[in-house]
Structures are given as C-alpha cells and as structure tokens.
PDB file of N, CA and C in Angstrom:
ATOM      1  N   MET A   1      61.135 107.543 121.300  1.00  0.00           N
ATOM      2  CA  MET A   1      61.193 107.515 119.983  1.00  0.00           C
ATOM      3  C   MET A   1      61.571 108.976 119.389  1.00  0.00           C
ATOM      4  N   GLU A   2      61.309 109.950 120.168  1.00  0.00           N
ATOM      5  CA  GLU A   2      61.701 111.311 119.795  1.00  0.00           C
ATOM      6  C   GLU A   2      63.114 111.502 119.758  1.00  0.00           C
ATOM      7  N   PHE A   3      63.862 110.871 120.658  1.00  0.00           N
ATOM      8  CA  PHE A   3      65.255 110.886 120.779  1.00  0.00           C
ATOM      9  C   PHE A   3      65.967 110.252 119.487  1.00  0.00           C
ATOM     10  N   ALA A   4      65.489 109.188 119.146  1.00  0.00           N
ATOM     11  CA  ALA A   4      66.072 108.499 117.936  1.00  0.00           C
ATOM     12  C   ALA A   4      65.857 109.358 116.727  1.00  0.00           C
ATOM     13  N   LYS A   5      64.743 110.050 116.481  1.00  0.00           N
ATOM     14  CA  LYS A   5      64.510 110.873 115.489  1.00  0.00           C
ATOM     15  C   LYS A   5      65.448 112.082 115.395  1.00  0.00           C
ATOM     16  N   ASP A   6      65.567 112.706 116.615  1.00  0.00           N
ATOM     17  CA  ASP A   6      66.517 113.724 116.732  1.00  0.00           C
ATOM     18  C   ASP A   6      68.081 113.473 116.380  1.00  0.00           C
ATOM     19  N   ILE A   7      68.377 112.258 116.886  1.00  0.00           N
ATOM     20  CA  ILE A   7      69.783 111.680 116.533  1.00  0.00           C
ATOM     21  C   ILE A   7      69.958 111.411 115.007  1.00  0.00           C
ATOM     22  N   GLY A   8      68.910 110.918 114.555  1.00  0.00           N
ATOM     23  CA  GLY A   8      68.979 110.573 113.049  1.00  0.00           C
ATOM     24  C   GLY A   8      69.121 111.901 112.185  1.00  0.00           C
ATOM     25  N   ILE A   9      68.409 112.953 112.634  1.00  0.00           N
ATOM     26  CA  ILE A   9      68.509 114.266 111.998  1.00  0.00           C
ATOM     27  C   ILE A   9      69.889 114.939 112.191  1.00  0.00           C
ATOM     28  N   ILE A  10      70.508 114.712 113.404  1.00  0.00           N
ATOM     29  CA  ILE A  10      71.836 115.237 113.586  1.00  0.00           C
ATOM     30  C   ILE A  10      72.810 114.477 112.788  1.00  0.00           C
ATOM     31  N   ILE A  11      72.717 113.199 112.774  1.00  0.00           N
ATOM     32  CA  ILE A  11      73.653 112.347 112.071  1.00  0.00           C
ATOM     33  C   ILE A  11      73.589 112.621 110.542  1.00  0.00           C
ATOM     34  N   ARG A  12      72.383 112.869 110.017  1.00  0.00           N
ATOM     35  CA  ARG A  12      72.325 113.260 108.494  1.00  0.00           C
ATOM     36  C   ARG A  12      72.811 114.607 108.264  1.00  0.00           C
ATOM     37  N   LYS A  13      72.671 115.537 109.191  1.00  0.00           N
ATOM     38  CA  LYS A  13      73.339 116.841 108.927  1.00  0.00           C
ATOM     39  C   LYS A  13      74.900 116.724 109.058  1.00  0.00           C
ATOM     40  N   ILE A  14      75.488 115.958 110.007  1.00  0.00           N
ATOM     41  CA  ILE A  14      76.819 115.714 110.042  1.00  0.00           C
ATOM     42  C   ILE A  14      77.416 115.105 108.779  1.00  0.00           C
ATOM     43  N   GLU A  15      76.607 113.972 108.312  1.00  0.00           N
ATOM     44  CA  GLU A  15      76.977 113.335 107.085  1.00  0.00           C
ATOM     45  C   GLU A  15      77.034 114.333 105.787  1.00  0.00           C
ATOM     46  N   HIS A  16      76.036 115.240 105.923  1.00  0.00           N
ATOM     47  CA  HIS A  16      76.016 116.206 104.766  1.00  0.00           C
ATOM     48  C   HIS A  16      77.116 117.175 104.830  1.00  0.00           C
ATOM     49  N   ILE A  17      77.463 117.671 106.027  1.00  0.00           N
ATOM     50  CA  ILE A  17      78.504 118.501 106.191  1.00  0.00           C
ATOM     51  C   ILE A  17      79.966 117.852 105.838  1.00  0.00           C
ATOM     52  N   LEU A  18      80.069 116.593 106.241  1.00  0.00           N
ATOM     53  CA  LEU A  18      81.327 115.843 105.944  1.00  0.00           C
ATOM     54  C   LEU A  18      81.485 115.409 104.581  1.00  0.00           C
ATOM     55  N   GLY A  19      80.276 115.133 103.872  1.00  0.00           N
ATOM     56  CA  GLY A  19      80.305 114.616 102.587  1.00  0.00           C
ATOM     57  C   GLY A  19      80.382 113.097 102.484  1.00  0.00           C
ATOM     58  N   LEU A  20      80.378 112.504 103.677  1.00  0.00           N
ATOM     59  CA  LEU A  20      80.370 111.010 103.603  1.00  0.00           C
ATOM     60  C   LEU A  20      79.722 110.555 104.786  1.00  0.00           C
ATOM     61  N   SER A  21      79.459 109.241 104.914  1.00  0.00           N
ATOM     62  CA  SER A  21      78.660 108.655 106.024  1.00  0.00           C
ATOM     63  C   SER A  21      79.500 108.781 107.240  1.00  0.00           C
ATOM     64  N   LEU A  22      78.808 108.847 108.458  1.00  0.00           N
ATOM     65  CA  LEU A  22      79.441 108.970 109.755  1.00  0.00           C
ATOM     66  C   LEU A  22      80.316 107.775 110.128  1.00  0.00           C
ATOM     67  N   LYS A  23      79.861 106.590 109.639  1.00  0.00           N
ATOM     68  CA  LYS A  23      80.609 105.372 109.898  1.00  0.00           C
ATOM     69  C   LYS A  23      82.013 105.425 109.212  1.00  0.00           C
ATOM     70  N   ILE A  24      82.034 105.805 107.911  1.00  0.00           N
ATOM     71  CA  ILE A  24      83.253 105.932 107.265  1.00  0.00           C
ATOM     72  C   ILE A  24      84.247 106.986 107.853  1.00  0.00           C
ATOM     73  N   PHE A  25      83.625 108.040 108.205  1.00  0.00           N
ATOM     74  CA  PHE A  25      84.387 109.116 108.852  1.00  0.00           C
ATOM     75  C   PHE A  25      84.979 108.615 110.141  1.00  0.00           C
ATOM     76  N   LEU A  26      84.249 107.950 111.013  1.00  0.00           N
ATOM     77  CA  LEU A  26      84.729 107.466 112.224  1.00  0.00           C
ATOM     78  C   LEU A  26      85.875 106.375 112.077  1.00  0.00           C
ATOM     79  N   VAL A  27      85.644 105.557 111.131  1.00  0.00           N
ATOM     80  CA  VAL A  27      86.658 104.462 110.811  1.00  0.00           C
ATOM     81  C   VAL A  27      87.898 105.092 110.370  1.00  0.00           C
ATOM     82  N   THR A  28      87.838 106.019 109.428  1.00  0.00           N
ATOM     83  CA  THR A  28      89.029 106.689 108.911  1.00  0.00           C
ATOM     84  C   THR A  28      89.709 107.452 110.008  1.00  0.00           C
ATOM     85  N   ALA A  29      88.980 108.168 110.927  1.00  0.00           N
ATOM     86  CA  ALA A  29      89.572 108.873 112.066  1.00  0.00           C
ATOM     87  C   ALA A  29      90.213 107.945 113.002  1.00  0.00           C
ATOM     88  N   ILE A  30      89.751 106.852 113.266  1.00  0.00           N
ATOM     89  CA  ILE A  30      90.337 105.896 114.148  1.00  0.00           C
ATOM     90  C   ILE A  30      91.550 105.270 113.625  1.00  0.00           C
ATOM     91  N   ILE A  31      91.675 105.066 112.257  1.00  0.00           N
ATOM     92  CA  ILE A  31      92.723 104.579 111.505  1.00  0.00           C
ATOM     93  C   ILE A  31      93.886 105.549 111.621  1.00  0.00           C
ATOM     94  N   VAL A  32      93.537 106.869 111.335  1.00  0.00           N
ATOM     95  CA  VAL A  32      94.475 107.940 111.292  1.00  0.00           C
ATOM     96  C   VAL A  32      95.107 108.059 112.763  1.00  0.00           C
ATOM     97  N   ILE A  33      94.303 108.047 113.706  1.00  0.00           N
ATOM     98  CA  ILE A  33      94.840 108.070 115.165  1.00  0.00           C
ATOM     99  C   ILE A  33      95.696 106.953 115.526  1.00  0.00           C
ATOM    100  N   LEU A  34      95.336 105.696 115.008  1.00  0.00           N
ATOM    101  CA  LEU A  34      96.184 104.599 115.282  1.00  0.00           C
ATOM    102  C   LEU A  34      97.633 104.643 114.634  1.00  0.00           C
ATOM    103  N   VAL A  35      97.491 105.023 113.301  1.00  0.00           N
ATOM    104  CA  VAL A  35      98.843 105.180 112.595  1.00  0.00           C
ATOM    105  C   VAL A  35      99.627 106.316 113.302  1.00  0.00           C
ATOM    106  N   GLY A  36      99.012 107.332 113.751  1.00  0.00           N
ATOM    107  CA  GLY A  36      99.866 108.472 114.421  1.00  0.00           C
ATOM    108  C   GLY A  36     100.482 107.912 115.671  1.00  0.00           C
ATOM    109  N   VAL A  37      99.717 107.128 116.573  1.00  0.00           N
ATOM    110  CA  VAL A  37     100.294 106.717 117.721  1.00  0.00           C
ATOM    111  C   VAL A  37     101.492 105.669 117.443  1.00  0.00           C
ATOM    112  N   TYR A  38     101.300 104.829 116.324  1.00  0.00           N
ATOM    113  CA  TYR A  38     102.370 103.932 115.909  1.00  0.00           C
ATOM    114  C   TYR A  38     103.584 104.675 115.497  1.00  0.00           C
ATOM    115  N   VAL A  39     103.398 105.653 114.661  1.00  0.00           N
ATOM    116  CA  VAL A  39     104.556 106.510 114.225  1.00  0.00           C
ATOM    117  C   VAL A  39     105.242 107.243 115.361  1.00  0.00           C
ATOM    118  N   ALA A  40     104.449 107.731 116.287  1.00  0.00           N
ATOM    119  CA  ALA A  40     105.083 108.395 117.455  1.00  0.00           C
ATOM    120  C   ALA A  40     105.798 107.443 118.272  1.00  0.00           C
ATOM    121  N   ASN A  41     105.268 106.164 118.417  1.00  0.00           N
ATOM    122  CA  ASN A  41     106.035 105.207 119.114  1.00  0.00           C
ATOM    123  C   ASN A  41     107.296 104.756 118.549  1.00  0.00           C
ATOM    124  N   LEU A  42     107.305 104.816 117.108  1.00  0.00           N
ATOM    125  CA  LEU A  42     108.531 104.518 116.373  1.00  0.00           C
ATOM    126  C   LEU A  42     109.645 105.609 116.614  1.00  0.00           C
ATOM    127  N   ILE A  43     109.223 106.885 116.743  1.00  0.00           N
ATOM    128  CA  ILE A  43     110.191 108.008 116.886  1.00  0.00           C
ATOM    129  C   ILE A  43     110.612 108.084 118.274  1.00  0.00           C
ATOM    130  N   TYR A  44     109.560 108.013 119.268  1.00  0.00           N
ATOM    131  CA  TYR A  44     109.910 108.404 120.746  1.00  0.00           C
ATOM    132  C   TYR A  44     109.808 107.131 121.608  1.00  0.00           C
ATOM    133  N   GLY A  45     109.476 106.064 121.121  1.00  0.00           N
ATOM    134  CA  GLY A  45     109.435 104.823 122.057  1.00  0.00           C
ATOM    135  C   GLY A  45     110.647 104.306 122.503  1.00  0.00           C
ATOM    136  N   ASP A  46     110.519 103.196 123.234  1.00  0.00           N
ATOM    137  CA  ASP A  46     111.763 102.512 123.763  1.00  0.00           C
ATOM    138  C   ASP A  46     112.772 101.970 122.614  1.00  0.00           C
ATOM    139  N   ASN A  47     112.103 101.445 121.559  1.00  0.00           N
ATOM    140  CA  ASN A  47     112.989 101.040 120.449  1.00  0.00           C
ATOM    141  C   ASN A  47     112.852 102.098 119.318  1.00  0.00           C
ATOM    142  N   SER A  48     113.083 103.320 119.603  1.00  0.00           N
ATOM    143  CA  SER A  48     112.841 104.510 118.728  1.00  0.00           C
ATOM    144  C   SER A  48     114.202 104.757 117.879  1.00  0.00           C
ATOM    145  N   LEU A  49     114.027 105.719 116.934  1.00  0.00           N
ATOM    146  CA  LEU A  49     115.003 106.174 116.147  1.00  0.00           C
ATOM    147  C   LEU A  49     116.096 106.839 117.006  1.00  0.00           C
ATOM    148  N   TYR A  50     115.750 107.587 118.060  1.00  0.00           N
ATOM    149  CA  TYR A  50     116.696 108.210 119.004  1.00  0.00           C
ATOM    150  C   TYR A  50     117.458 107.156 119.660  1.00  0.00           C
ATOM    151  N   ARG A  51     116.871 106.212 120.156  1.00  0.00           N
ATOM    152  CA  ARG A  51     117.525 104.991 120.854  1.00  0.00           C
ATOM    153  C   ARG A  51     118.574 104.401 119.838  1.00  0.00           C
ATOM    154  N   LEU A  52     118.148 104.171 118.609  1.00  0.00           N
ATOM    155  CA  LEU A  52     119.169 103.536 117.573  1.00  0.00           C
ATOM    156  C   LEU A  52     120.303 104.482 117.432  1.00  0.00           C
ATOM    157  N   GLN A  53     120.161 105.792 117.290  1.00  0.00           N
ATOM    158  CA  GLN A  53     121.207 106.710 117.007  1.00  0.00           C
ATOM    159  C   GLN A  53     122.170 106.608 118.279  1.00  0.00           C
ATOM    160  N   TYR A  54     121.587 106.684 119.474  1.00  0.00           N
ATOM    161  CA  TYR A  54     122.286 106.626 120.718  1.00  0.00           C
ATOM    162  C   TYR A  54     123.212 105.435 120.798  1.00  0.00           C
ATOM    163  N   LEU A  55     122.619 104.253 120.510  1.00  0.00           N
ATOM    164  CA  LEU A  55     123.406 102.957 120.442  1.00  0.00           C
ATOM    165  C   LEU A  55     124.420 102.937 119.428  1.00  0.00           C
ATOM    166  N   GLN A  56     124.162 103.538 118.274  1.00  0.00           N
ATOM    167  CA  GLN A  56     125.253 103.646 117.279  1.00  0.00           C
ATOM    168  C   GLN A  56     126.503 104.518 117.773  1.00  0.00           C
ATOM    169  N   LYS A  57     126.072 105.608 118.396  1.00  0.00           N
ATOM    170  CA  LYS A  57     127.245 106.410 118.933  1.00  0.00           C
ATOM    171  C   LYS A  57     128.043 105.744 119.878  1.00  0.00           C
ATOM    172  N   GLU A  58     127.261 104.950 120.769  1.00  0.00           N
ATOM    173  CA  GLU A  58     127.878 104.190 121.948  1.00  0.00           C
ATOM    174  C   GLU A  58     128.804 103.076 121.276  1.00  0.00           C
ATOM    175  N   LYS A  59     128.353 102.400 120.294  1.00  0.00           N
ATOM    176  CA  LYS A  59     129.014 101.433 119.534  1.00  0.00           C
ATOM    177  C   LYS A  59     130.409 102.018 118.984  1.00  0.00           C
ATOM    178  N   GLU A  60     130.308 103.095 118.438  1.00  0.00           N
ATOM    179  CA  GLU A  60     131.549 103.765 117.879  1.00  0.00           C
ATOM    180  C   GLU A  60     132.633 104.080 119.064  1.00  0.00           C
ATOM    181  N   GLY A  61     131.975 104.573 120.123  1.00  0.00           N
ATOM    182  CA  GLY A  61     132.846 104.931 121.370  1.00  0.00           C
ATOM    183  C   GLY A  61     133.527 103.695 121.858  1.00  0.00           C
ATOM    184  N   LEU A  62     132.752 102.555 121.885  1.00  0.00           N
ATOM    185  CA  LEU A  62     133.271 101.288 122.430  1.00  0.00           C
ATOM    186  C   LEU A  62     134.345 100.741 121.396  1.00  0.00           C
ATOM    187  N   LYS A  63     134.112 100.925 120.087  1.00  0.00           N
ATOM    188  CA  LYS A  63     135.107 100.435 119.138  1.00  0.00           C
ATOM    189  C   LYS A  63     136.518 101.217 119.377  1.00  0.00           C
ATOM    190  N   GLN A  64     136.377 102.475 119.570  1.00  0.00           N
ATOM    191  CA  GLN A  64     137.564 103.406 119.870  1.00  0.00           C
ATOM    192  C   GLN A  64     138.239 102.848 121.095  1.00  0.00           C
ATOM    193  N   GLU A  65     137.439 102.675 122.199  1.00  0.00           N
ATOM    194  CA  GLU A  65     138.019 102.177 123.399  1.00  0.00           C
ATOM    195  C   GLU A  65     138.747 100.856 123.285  1.00  0.00           C
ATOM    196  N   ILE A  66     138.084  99.926 122.506  1.00  0.00           N
ATOM    197  CA  ILE A  66     138.710  98.663 122.321  1.00  0.00           C
ATOM    198  C   ILE A  66     140.102  98.840 121.540  1.00  0.00           C
ATOM    199  N   TYR A  67     140.095  99.703 120.595  1.00  0.00           N
ATOM    200  CA  TYR A  67     141.283  99.980 119.839  1.00  0.00           C
ATOM    201  C   TYR A  67     142.410 100.402 120.798  1.00  0.00           C
ATOM    202  N   SER A  68     142.103 101.384 121.604  1.00  0.00           N
ATOM    203  CA  SER A  68     143.213 102.048 122.364  1.00  0.00           C
ATOM    204  C   SER A  68     143.579 101.055 123.506  1.00  0.00           C
ATOM    205  N   LEU A  69     142.613 100.141 124.014  1.00  0.00           N
ATOM    206  CA  LEU A  69     142.990  99.162 124.948  1.00  0.00           C
ATOM    207  C   LEU A  69     143.888  98.078 124.330  1.00  0.00           C
ATOM    208  N   LYS A  70     143.637  97.736 123.082  1.00  0.00           N
ATOM    209  CA  LYS A  70     144.510  96.808 122.444  1.00  0.00           C
ATOM    210  C   LYS A  70     145.939  97.327 122.280  1.00  0.00           C
ATOM    211  N   GLN A  71     145.994  98.538 121.836  1.00  0.00           N
ATOM    212  CA  GLN A  71     147.376  99.142 121.676  1.00  0.00           C
ATOM    213  C   GLN A  71     148.090  99.216 123.110  1.00  0.00           C
ATOM    214  N   GLU A  72     147.341  99.610 124.105  1.00  0.00           N
ATOM    215  CA  GLU A  72     147.912  99.607 125.477  1.00  0.00           C
ATOM    216  C   GLU A  72     148.397  98.239 125.860  1.00  0.00           C
ATOM    217  N   ASN A  73     147.559  97.233 125.590  1.00  0.00           N
ATOM    218  CA  ASN A  73     147.798  95.823 125.887  1.00  0.00           C
ATOM    219  C   ASN A  73     149.131  95.291 125.139  1.00  0.00           C
ATOM    220  N   ALA A  74     149.216  95.786 123.801  1.00  0.00           N
ATOM    221  CA  ALA A  74     150.480  95.375 123.092  1.00  0.00           C
ATOM    222  C   ALA A  74     151.707  96.057 123.754  1.00  0.00           C
ATOM    223  N   LYS A  75     151.526  97.294 124.105  1.00  0.00           N
ATOM    224  CA  LYS A  75     152.738  98.047 124.742  1.00  0.00           C
ATOM    225  C   LYS A  75     153.060  97.284 126.005  1.00  0.00           C
ATOM    226  N   LEU A  76     152.155  96.987 126.871  1.00  0.00           N
ATOM    227  CA  LEU A  76     152.335  96.377 128.160  1.00  0.00           C
ATOM    228  C   LEU A  76     152.962  94.933 127.880  1.00  0.00           C
ATOM    229  N   HIS A  77     152.442  94.238 126.951  1.00  0.00           N
ATOM    230  CA  HIS A  77     152.976  92.868 126.605  1.00  0.00           C
ATOM    231  C   HIS A  77     154.496  92.975 126.138  1.00  0.00           C
ATOM    232  N   LYS A  78     154.797  93.948 125.357  1.00  0.00           N
ATOM    233  CA  LYS A  78     156.122  94.173 124.920  1.00  0.00           C
ATOM    234  C   LYS A  78     157.068  94.455 126.148  1.00  0.00           C
ATOM    235  N   GLN A  79     156.656  95.335 127.085  1.00  0.00           N
ATOM    236  CA  GLN A  79     157.406  95.513 128.250  1.00  0.00           C
ATOM    237  C   GLN A  79     157.530  94.328 129.067  1.00  0.00           C
ATOM    238  N   TYR A  80     156.502  93.505 129.260  1.00  0.00           N
ATOM    239  CA  TYR A  80     156.582  92.346 129.933  1.00  0.00           C
ATOM    240  C   TYR A  80     157.650  91.318 129.392  1.00  0.00           C
ATOM    241  N   LEU A  81     157.631  91.223 128.026  1.00  0.00           N
ATOM    242  CA  LEU A  81     158.575  90.389 127.417  1.00  0.00           C
ATOM    243  C   LEU A  81     159.986  90.846 127.571  1.00  0.00           C
ATOM    244  N   GLU A  82     160.148  92.199 127.531  1.00  0.00           N
ATOM    245  CA  GLU A  82     161.571  92.759 127.746  1.00  0.00           C
ATOM    246  C   GLU A  82     161.965  92.507 129.218  1.00  0.00           C
ATOM    247  N   TRP A  83     161.100  92.592 130.105  1.00  0.00           N
ATOM    248  CA  TRP A  83     161.394  92.410 131.511  1.00  0.00           C
ATOM    249  C   TRP A  83     161.795  90.904 131.787  1.00  0.00           C
ATOM    250  N   THR A  84     161.097  90.039 131.086  1.00  0.00           N
ATOM    251  CA  THR A  84     161.351  88.590 131.256  1.00  0.00           C
ATOM    252  C   THR A  84     162.585  88.179 130.717  1.00  0.00           C
ATOM    253  N   ASP A  85     163.007  88.900 129.462  1.00  0.00           N
ATOM    254  CA  ASP A  85     164.290  88.658 128.842  1.00  0.00           C
ATOM    255  C   ASP A  85     165.424  89.157 129.682  1.00  0.00           C
ATOM    256  N   ALA A  86     165.194  90.327 130.268  1.00  0.00           N
ATOM    257  CA  ALA A  86     166.220  90.954 131.045  1.00  0.00           C
ATOM    258  C   ALA A  86     166.496  90.232 132.360  1.00  0.00           C
ATOM    259  N   ARG A  87     165.650  89.399 132.838  1.00  0.00           N
ATOM    260  CA  ARG A  87     165.720  88.614 134.055  1.00  0.00           C
ATOM    261  C   ARG A  87     166.515  87.379 133.886  1.00  0.00           C
ATOM    262  N   ARG A  88     166.632  86.926 132.556  1.00  0.00           N
ATOM    263  CA  ARG A  88     167.384  85.757 132.269  1.00  0.00           C
ATOM    264  C   ARG A  88     168.845  85.821 132.192  1.00  0.00           C
TER     265      ARG A  88
END
C-alpha cells in the first residue's frame, strides 16, 4: 500500500508541474509521436516526396528519349523508303 501512495504523490506532483492530468499528457505525447512518424514516413519513406521527385525527373528523361528515338526512327524510315525506291 505504501508504494501506491508514493506513486500517487509522484503523479500529483507531475500533474501539478505539467498543469494537466498525466493521462491527457500521455495521450497527447503519443499522438504527437505518431503524427511525427507519419510525416517522416511521407518525407523519407518508400512512397515519399523524394521518390516522387525522382520519378518525375525520370519521366522527363524518358519523354526526351522517346522524342529522340521517334526522330531517329523517322530518319531511318526515310532512308529505308529511299533505298527501296532506288532498288526498283
């Protein structure tokens, strides 16, 4: 029973220092920690902002590569048609 009284006194002192009940403080602290972990996961996780930016840059690079390959394909197709006409 002595332990319970000592804990009760300590909890009341902590509540007095914090200005609110220990339960409210712990719930608030847990919520803040969970929100922090969620935000960190958004920024640094597998589906993060960095990953999105990387994929956008890769998309632009692929668009440029597609454009240059289409131009090269058109040039080669023109050469092919010229060669087939020359063989006739």
